[in-house]
C-alpha atoms as a PDB file:
ATOM      1  CA  MET A   1       1.337 -11.778  -4.664  1.00  0.00           C
ATOM      2  CA  LYS A   2      -0.026 -13.265  -1.454  1.00  0.00           C
ATOM      3  CA  PHE A   3       1.930 -15.435   0.970  1.00  0.00           C
ATOM      4  CA  MET A   4       0.889 -17.586   3.904  1.00  0.00           C
ATOM      5  CA  VAL A   5       3.337 -17.376   6.785  1.00  0.00           C
ATOM      6  CA  SER A   6       3.113 -19.869   9.622  1.00  0.00           C
ATOM      7  CA  TRP A   7       5.324 -19.792  12.668  1.00  0.00           C
ATOM      8  CA  ALA A   8       6.234 -21.741  15.773  1.00  0.00           C
ATOM      9  CA  ILE A   9       7.987 -20.234  18.769  1.00  0.00           C
ATOM     10  CA  ASP A  10      10.197 -22.341  21.033  1.00  0.00           C
ATOM     11  CA  GLN A  11       9.186 -22.273  24.683  1.00  0.00           C
ATOM     12  CA  ASP A  12      12.407 -20.555  25.763  1.00  0.00           C
ATOM     13  CA  LYS A  13      11.702 -17.676  23.345  1.00  0.00           C
ATOM     14  CA  TRP A  14       7.971 -17.419  24.093  1.00  0.00           C
ATOM     15  CA  LEU A  15       8.016 -14.835  26.883  1.00  0.00           C
ATOM     16  CA  PRO A  16      10.576 -12.581  25.130  1.00  0.00           C
ATOM     17  CA  VAL A  17       8.427 -12.619  21.962  1.00  0.00           C
ATOM     18  CA  LEU A  18       5.327 -11.772  23.994  1.00  0.00           C
ATOM     19  CA  GLU A  19       7.231  -8.866  25.531  1.00  0.00           C
ATOM     20  CA  ILE A  20       8.291  -7.529  22.115  1.00  0.00           C
ATOM     21  CA  PHE A  21       4.911  -7.940  20.433  1.00  0.00           C
ATOM     22  CA  SER A  22       2.767  -6.639  23.296  1.00  0.00           C
ATOM     23  CA  SER A  23       4.957  -3.535  23.677  1.00  0.00           C
ATOM     24  CA  MET A  24       4.312  -2.537  20.040  1.00  0.00           C
ATOM     25  CA  THR A  25       1.565  -0.075  19.144  1.00  0.00           C
ATOM     26  CA  PRO A  26      -1.241  -1.327  16.885  1.00  0.00           C
ATOM     27  CA  GLU A  27       0.326   0.732  14.101  1.00  0.00           C
ATOM     28  CA  GLN A  28       3.715  -0.918  14.616  1.00  0.00           C
ATOM     29  CA  GLN A  29       2.101  -4.363  14.680  1.00  0.00           C
ATOM     30  CA  THR A  30       0.517  -3.796  11.260  1.00  0.00           C
ATOM     31  CA  ASP A  31       3.459  -1.955   9.651  1.00  0.00           C
ATOM     32  CA  ALA A  32       5.317  -4.534   7.585  1.00  0.00           C
ATOM     33  CA  GLY A  33       7.329  -1.936   5.720  1.00  0.00           C
ATOM     34  CA  GLU A  34       7.388  -0.801   2.130  1.00  0.00           C
ATOM     35  CA  GLY A  35       5.979  -3.300  -0.327  1.00  0.00           C
ATOM     36  CA  VAL A  36       4.338  -5.587   2.262  1.00  0.00           C
ATOM     37  CA  LYS A  37       0.785  -5.476   3.608  1.00  0.00           C
ATOM     38  CA  ILE A  38      -0.497  -7.716   6.395  1.00  0.00           C
ATOM     39  CA  LEU A  39      -3.948  -8.909   5.302  1.00  0.00           C
ATOM     40  CA  GLY A  40      -4.596 -10.857   8.500  1.00  0.00           C
ATOM     41  CA  ARG A  41      -2.789 -12.558  11.357  1.00  0.00           C
ATOM     42  CA  TRP A  42      -4.015 -15.174  13.815  1.00  0.00           C
ATOM     43  CA  HIS A  43      -2.274 -16.482  16.933  1.00  0.00           C
ATOM     44  CA  GLU A  44      -2.708 -19.847  18.661  1.00  0.00           C
ATOM     45  CA  MET A  45      -1.128 -18.825  21.934  1.00  0.00           C
ATOM     46  CA  THR A  46      -1.352 -22.137  23.791  1.00  0.00           C
ATOM     47  CA  GLY A  47       0.668 -23.914  21.104  1.00  0.00           C
ATOM     48  CA  ARG A  48       2.881 -20.856  20.488  1.00  0.00           C
ATOM     49  CA  THR A  49       2.045 -20.925  16.766  1.00  0.00           C
ATOM     50  CA  GLY A  50       0.258 -18.713  14.312  1.00  0.00           C
ATOM     51  CA  VAL A  51      -0.448 -17.841  10.720  1.00  0.00           C
ATOM     52  CA  ALA A  52      -0.572 -14.659   8.669  1.00  0.00           C
ATOM     53  CA  ILE A  53      -1.538 -13.797   5.135  1.00  0.00           C
ATOM     54  CA  ILE A  54       0.587 -11.047   3.661  1.00  0.00           C
ATOM     55  CA  GLU A  55       0.637  -9.389   0.274  1.00  0.00           C
ATOM     56  CA  ALA A  56       3.881  -8.190  -1.254  1.00  0.00           C
ATOM     57  CA  THR A  57       5.212  -6.610  -4.387  1.00  0.00           C
ATOM     58  CA  ASP A  58       8.244  -8.905  -4.441  1.00  0.00           C
ATOM     59  CA  ALA A  59       9.856 -11.753  -2.521  1.00  0.00           C
ATOM     60  CA  GLY A  60      12.676  -9.512  -1.311  1.00  0.00           C
ATOM     61  CA  ALA A  61      10.185  -7.361   0.586  1.00  0.00           C
ATOM     62  CA  VAL A  62       8.750 -10.502   2.198  1.00  0.00           C
ATOM     63  CA  HIS A  63      12.196 -11.664   3.328  1.00  0.00           C
ATOM     64  CA  ARG A  64      13.062  -8.195   4.660  1.00  0.00           C
ATOM     65  CA  TYR A  65       9.914  -8.112   6.799  1.00  0.00           C
ATOM     66  CA  LEU A  66      10.146 -11.699   8.030  1.00  0.00           C
ATOM     67  CA  GLY A  67      13.840 -11.265   8.776  1.00  0.00           C
ATOM     68  CA  GLN A  68      12.831  -9.025  11.669  1.00  0.00           C
ATOM     69  CA  TRP A  69      11.053 -11.956  13.339  1.00  0.00           C
ATOM     70  CA  ASN A  70      13.122 -14.889  12.102  1.00  0.00           C
ATOM     71  CA  PRO A  71      15.644 -14.780  14.993  1.00  0.00           C
ATOM     72  CA  HIS A  72      12.762 -15.391  17.398  1.00  0.00           C
ATOM     73  CA  MET A  73      10.838 -18.205  15.704  1.00  0.00           C
ATOM     74  CA  ASP A  74      10.757 -20.837  12.969  1.00  0.00           C
ATOM     75  CA  MET A  75       8.711 -19.768   9.942  1.00  0.00           C
ATOM     76  CA  ASP A  76       7.353 -21.360   6.792  1.00  0.00           C
ATOM     77  CA  VAL A  77       6.315 -19.208   3.828  1.00  0.00           C
ATOM     78  CA  SER A  78       4.178 -20.336   0.884  1.00  0.00           C
ATOM     79  CA  PRO A  79       2.642 -18.406  -1.998  1.00  0.00           C
ATOM     80  CA  VAL A  80      -1.160 -18.701  -1.905  1.00  0.00           C
ATOM     81  CA  LEU A  81      -4.128 -17.817  -4.116  1.00  0.00           C
ATOM     82  CA  ASP A  82      -7.490 -16.300  -3.274  1.00  0.00           C
ATOM     83  CA  ASP A  83     -10.687 -17.849  -4.687  1.00  0.00           C
ATOM     84  CA  ALA A  84     -10.628 -15.870  -7.934  1.00  0.00           C
ATOM     85  CA  GLU A  85      -6.959 -16.631  -8.581  1.00  0.00           C
ATOM     86  CA  CYS A  86      -7.526 -20.304  -7.731  1.00  0.00           C
ATOM     87  CA  THR A  87     -10.483 -20.513 -10.114  1.00  0.00           C
ATOM     88  CA  LYS A  88      -8.405 -19.050 -12.947  1.00  0.00           C
ATOM     89  CA  ALA A  89      -5.539 -21.461 -12.245  1.00  0.00           C
ATOM     90  CA  ALA A  90      -7.938 -24.424 -11.941  1.00  0.00           C
ATOM     91  CA  LYS A  91      -9.480 -23.653 -15.335  1.00  0.00           C
ATOM     92  CA  ALA A  92      -6.023 -23.452 -16.917  1.00  0.00           C
ATOM     93  CA  ILE A  93      -5.029 -26.781 -15.369  1.00  0.00           C
ATOM     94  CA  LEU A  94      -8.241 -28.444 -16.520  1.00  0.00           C
ATOM     95  CA  ALA A  95      -7.776 -27.027 -20.040  1.00  0.00           C
ATOM     96  CA  ALA A  96      -4.203 -28.349 -20.139  1.00  0.00           C
ATOM     97  CA  HIS A  97      -5.431 -31.853 -19.218  1.00  0.00           C
ATOM     98  CA  ALA A  98      -8.418 -31.889 -21.561  1.00  0.00           C
ATOM     99  CA  GLY A  99      -8.342 -33.792 -24.731  1.00  0.00           C
END
């Protein structure tokens, strides 16, 4: 299952988060632990916000990974679908409303 994670970092925590993240190796930055894969992550540094798409085997793995960062920032997590999954869901919704 895929999840969209968006975050916002308070100004007083911004520099400490930059210190933590920039001191990590590229391997550490992409290692989300067992059961979680980071598909992509984008940062909007001026607004101290960002978004990531992660894939996980279960919600517990998502919470374990995000719990590492949660003390430093506010996060929102939503399950999301790719185009193929959305198409399948859309067809099921349309079929349920037909007739």
